């Protein structure tokens, strides 16, 4: 029974990660095409509070983002 529960949890984590990746891609695409979405993305990026999360984005910009201006 524990093995089945562990497998279900693993599948749920993988599905959750896939959804996040897809949504992230959609958000980036929208931000590159629409200034309103670009503003929303910049707002979200400014809310990153954990140092380790901020480090993942050091030096990174999306096309059309403020660093490209």
C-alpha atoms as a PDB file:
ATOM      1  CA  UNK A   1       0.000   0.000   0.000  1.00  0.00           C
ATOM      2  CA  UNK A   2       2.844   2.413   0.822  1.00  0.00           C
ATOM      3  CA  UNK A   3       4.422   1.752  -2.572  1.00  0.00           C
ATOM      4  CA  UNK A   4       1.169   2.687  -4.316  1.00  0.00           C
ATOM      5  CA  UNK A   5       0.839   5.852  -2.245  1.00  0.00           C
ATOM      6  CA  UNK A   6       4.456   6.781  -2.987  1.00  0.00           C
ATOM      7  CA  UNK A   7       3.906   6.215  -6.709  1.00  0.00           C
ATOM      8  CA  UNK A   8       0.747   8.343  -6.665  1.00  0.00           C
ATOM      9  CA  UNK A   9       2.599  11.126  -4.842  1.00  0.00           C
ATOM     10  CA  UNK A  10       5.426  10.975  -7.392  1.00  0.00           C
ATOM     11  CA  UNK A  11       2.977  11.171 -10.287  1.00  0.00           C
ATOM     12  CA  UNK A  12       1.202  14.112  -8.646  1.00  0.00           C
ATOM     13  CA  UNK A  13       4.505  15.978  -8.182  1.00  0.00           C
ATOM     14  CA  UNK A  14       5.459  15.368 -11.815  1.00  0.00           C
ATOM     15  CA  UNK A  15       2.068  16.565 -13.050  1.00  0.00           C
ATOM     16  CA  UNK A  16       2.341  19.665 -10.851  1.00  0.00           C
ATOM     17  CA  UNK A  17       5.833  20.433 -12.182  1.00  0.00           C
ATOM     18  CA  UNK A  18       4.619  20.013 -15.764  1.00  0.00           C
ATOM     19  CA  UNK A  19       1.709  22.413 -15.168  1.00  0.00           C
ATOM     20  CA  UNK A  20       4.087  25.003 -13.703  1.00  0.00           C
ATOM     21  CA  UNK A  21       6.450  24.702 -16.665  1.00  0.00           C
ATOM     22  CA  UNK A  22       3.598  25.082 -19.153  1.00  0.00           C
ATOM     23  CA  UNK A  23       2.144  28.078 -17.307  1.00  0.00           C
ATOM     24  CA  UNK A  24       5.587  29.668 -17.091  1.00  0.00           C
ATOM     25  CA  UNK A  25       6.026  29.299 -20.832  1.00  0.00           C
ATOM     26  CA  UNK A  26       2.612  30.806 -21.476  1.00  0.00           C
ATOM     27  CA  UNK A  27       3.394  33.733 -19.175  1.00  0.00           C
ATOM     28  CA  UNK A  28       6.719  34.410 -20.898  1.00  0.00           C
ATOM     29  CA  UNK A  29       5.063  34.244 -24.316  1.00  0.00           C
ATOM     30  CA  UNK A  30       2.345  36.648 -23.219  1.00  0.00           C
ATOM     31  CA  UNK A  31       4.901  39.037 -21.685  1.00  0.00           C
ATOM     32  CA  UNK A  32       6.850  39.150 -24.950  1.00  0.00           C
ATOM     33  CA  UNK A  33       3.727  40.017 -26.945  1.00  0.00           C
ATOM     34  CA  UNK A  34       1.757  42.300 -24.634  1.00  0.00           C
ATOM     35  CA  UNK A  35       3.080  45.199 -22.515  1.00  0.00           C
ATOM     36  CA  UNK A  36       0.370  44.615 -19.898  1.00  0.00           C
ATOM     37  CA  UNK A  37       1.539  41.037 -19.373  1.00  0.00           C
ATOM     38  CA  UNK A  38       5.152  42.243 -19.341  1.00  0.00           C
ATOM     39  CA  UNK A  39       4.229  44.561 -16.486  1.00  0.00           C
ATOM     40  CA  UNK A  40       2.525  41.705 -14.628  1.00  0.00           C
ATOM     41  CA  UNK A  41       5.592  39.514 -15.067  1.00  0.00           C
ATOM     42  CA  UNK A  42       7.851  42.272 -13.753  1.00  0.00           C
ATOM     43  CA  UNK A  43       5.552  42.661 -10.739  1.00  0.00           C
ATOM     44  CA  UNK A  44       5.685  38.922 -10.067  1.00  0.00           C
ATOM     45  CA  UNK A  45       9.471  38.861 -10.423  1.00  0.00           C
ATOM     46  CA  UNK A  46       9.769  41.680  -7.878  1.00  0.00           C
ATOM     47  CA  UNK A  47       7.876  39.513  -5.358  1.00  0.00           C
ATOM     48  CA  UNK A  48      10.525  36.800  -5.281  1.00  0.00           C
ATOM     49  CA  UNK A  49      11.567  36.806  -1.654  1.00  0.00           C
ATOM     50  CA  UNK A  50      13.799  33.780  -1.165  1.00  0.00           C
ATOM     51  CA  UNK A  51      17.485  34.341  -1.938  1.00  0.00           C
ATOM     52  CA  UNK A  52      17.839  30.948  -3.617  1.00  0.00           C
ATOM     53  CA  UNK A  53      14.895  31.737  -5.891  1.00  0.00           C
ATOM     54  CA  UNK A  54      16.268  35.194  -6.750  1.00  0.00           C
ATOM     55  CA  UNK A  55      19.638  33.636  -7.610  1.00  0.00           C
ATOM     56  CA  UNK A  56      17.978  31.459 -10.242  1.00  0.00           C
ATOM     57  CA  UNK A  57      17.111  34.647 -12.145  1.00  0.00           C
ATOM     58  CA  UNK A  58      20.396  36.566 -11.713  1.00  0.00           C
ATOM     59  CA  UNK A  59      21.353  38.085 -15.040  1.00  0.00           C
ATOM     60  CA  UNK A  60      18.309  36.596 -16.753  1.00  0.00           C
ATOM     61  CA  UNK A  61      15.909  38.659 -18.838  1.00  0.00           C
ATOM     62  CA  UNK A  62      13.089  37.745 -21.119  1.00  0.00           C
ATOM     63  CA  UNK A  63      13.016  39.172 -24.635  1.00  0.00           C
ATOM     64  CA  UNK A  64      11.386  42.552 -24.474  1.00  0.00           C
ATOM     65  CA  UNK A  65      11.984  42.810 -20.744  1.00  0.00           C
ATOM     66  CA  UNK A  66      13.356  45.888 -18.997  1.00  0.00           C
ATOM     67  CA  UNK A  67      17.000  44.821 -19.376  1.00  0.00           C
ATOM     68  CA  UNK A  68      16.573  44.772 -23.175  1.00  0.00           C
ATOM     69  CA  UNK A  69      15.311  48.344 -23.279  1.00  0.00           C
END
